[in-house]
C-alpha atoms as a PDB file:
ATOM      1  CA  MET A   1     116.550  80.478 111.084  1.00  0.00           C
ATOM      2  CA  THR A   2     114.549  80.939 107.744  1.00  0.00           C
ATOM      3  CA  ASP A   3     111.658  83.114 106.992  1.00  0.00           C
ATOM      4  CA  GLU A   4     109.878  79.933 105.283  1.00  0.00           C
ATOM      5  CA  GLY A   5     106.169  80.061 106.375  1.00  0.00           C
ATOM      6  CA  ALA A   6     106.315  83.618 107.962  1.00  0.00           C
ATOM      7  CA  TYR A   7     103.722  86.079 107.191  1.00  0.00           C
ATOM      8  CA  ILE A   8     102.817  89.543 108.144  1.00  0.00           C
ATOM      9  CA  ILE A   9      99.757  90.429 110.277  1.00  0.00           C
ATOM     10  CA  MET A  10      98.112  93.446 109.090  1.00  0.00           C
ATOM     11  CA  GLU A  11      94.550  94.873 110.363  1.00  0.00           C
ATOM     12  CA  LYS A  12      92.327  97.354 108.601  1.00  0.00           C
ATOM     13  CA  THR A  13      89.461  98.810 109.788  1.00  0.00           C
ATOM     14  CA  TYR A  14      87.010 100.574 107.546  1.00  0.00           C
ATOM     15  CA  LYS A  15      84.066 102.677 108.742  1.00  0.00           C
ATOM     16  CA  ILE A  16      81.048 102.347 106.959  1.00  0.00           C
ATOM     17  CA  GLU A  17      77.185 103.164 107.674  1.00  0.00           C
ATOM     18  CA  VAL A  18      75.080 100.163 107.783  1.00  0.00           C
ATOM     19  CA  ASP A  19      71.540 100.156 109.567  1.00  0.00           C
ATOM     20  CA  CYS A  20      70.265  96.826 108.281  1.00  0.00           C
ATOM     21  CA  ALA A  21      71.376  93.463 109.913  1.00  0.00           C
ATOM     22  CA  ASN A  22      70.559  91.584 106.504  1.00  0.00           C
ATOM     23  CA  CYS A  23      73.225  94.261 104.862  1.00  0.00           C
ATOM     24  CA  ALA A  24      75.777  93.701 107.288  1.00  0.00           C
ATOM     25  CA  ALA A  25      75.788  89.765 107.308  1.00  0.00           C
ATOM     26  CA  THR A  26      75.931  89.902 103.156  1.00  0.00           C
ATOM     27  CA  ILE A  27      79.021  92.243 103.228  1.00  0.00           C
ATOM     28  CA  GLU A  28      80.631  90.294 105.869  1.00  0.00           C
ATOM     29  CA  ARG A  29      79.897  86.991 103.764  1.00  0.00           C
ATOM     30  CA  HIS A  30      81.231  88.456 100.845  1.00  0.00           C
ATOM     31  CA  VAL A  31      84.337  89.974 102.385  1.00  0.00           C
ATOM     32  CA  ALA A  32      85.190  86.769 104.348  1.00  0.00           C
ATOM     33  CA  LYS A  33      85.369  84.963 100.796  1.00  0.00           C
ATOM     34  CA  LEU A  34      88.439  86.902  99.770  1.00  0.00           C
ATOM     35  CA  LYS A  35      91.623  84.828 100.187  1.00  0.00           C
ATOM     36  CA  CYS A  36      93.706  87.380 101.682  1.00  0.00           C
ATOM     37  CA  VAL A  37      91.089  87.561 104.356  1.00  0.00           C
ATOM     38  CA  LYS A  38      91.635  85.646 107.492  1.00  0.00           C
ATOM     39  CA  GLU A  39      88.493  87.137 109.486  1.00  0.00           C
ATOM     40  CA  VAL A  40      86.008  89.633 109.394  1.00  0.00           C
ATOM     41  CA  THR A  41      83.176  91.420 111.497  1.00  0.00           C
ATOM     42  CA  VAL A  42      80.703  93.588 110.298  1.00  0.00           C
ATOM     43  CA  SER A  43      78.446  95.674 113.004  1.00  0.00           C
ATOM     44  CA  TYR A  44      75.258  97.524 112.375  1.00  0.00           C
ATOM     45  CA  MET A  45      73.556 100.488 113.969  1.00  0.00           C
ATOM     46  CA  ALA A  46      70.112  99.452 115.162  1.00  0.00           C
END
């Protein structure tokens, strides 16, 4: 058995205050472009 193709799953959560849907979407879109990011979700407070 080899470690070839193995990877580490790491989850990080950041709390930021966003009260604008457009701002949340912009942050989500830009973070998703990072090579090391597989999935991103940004929620906003209404």
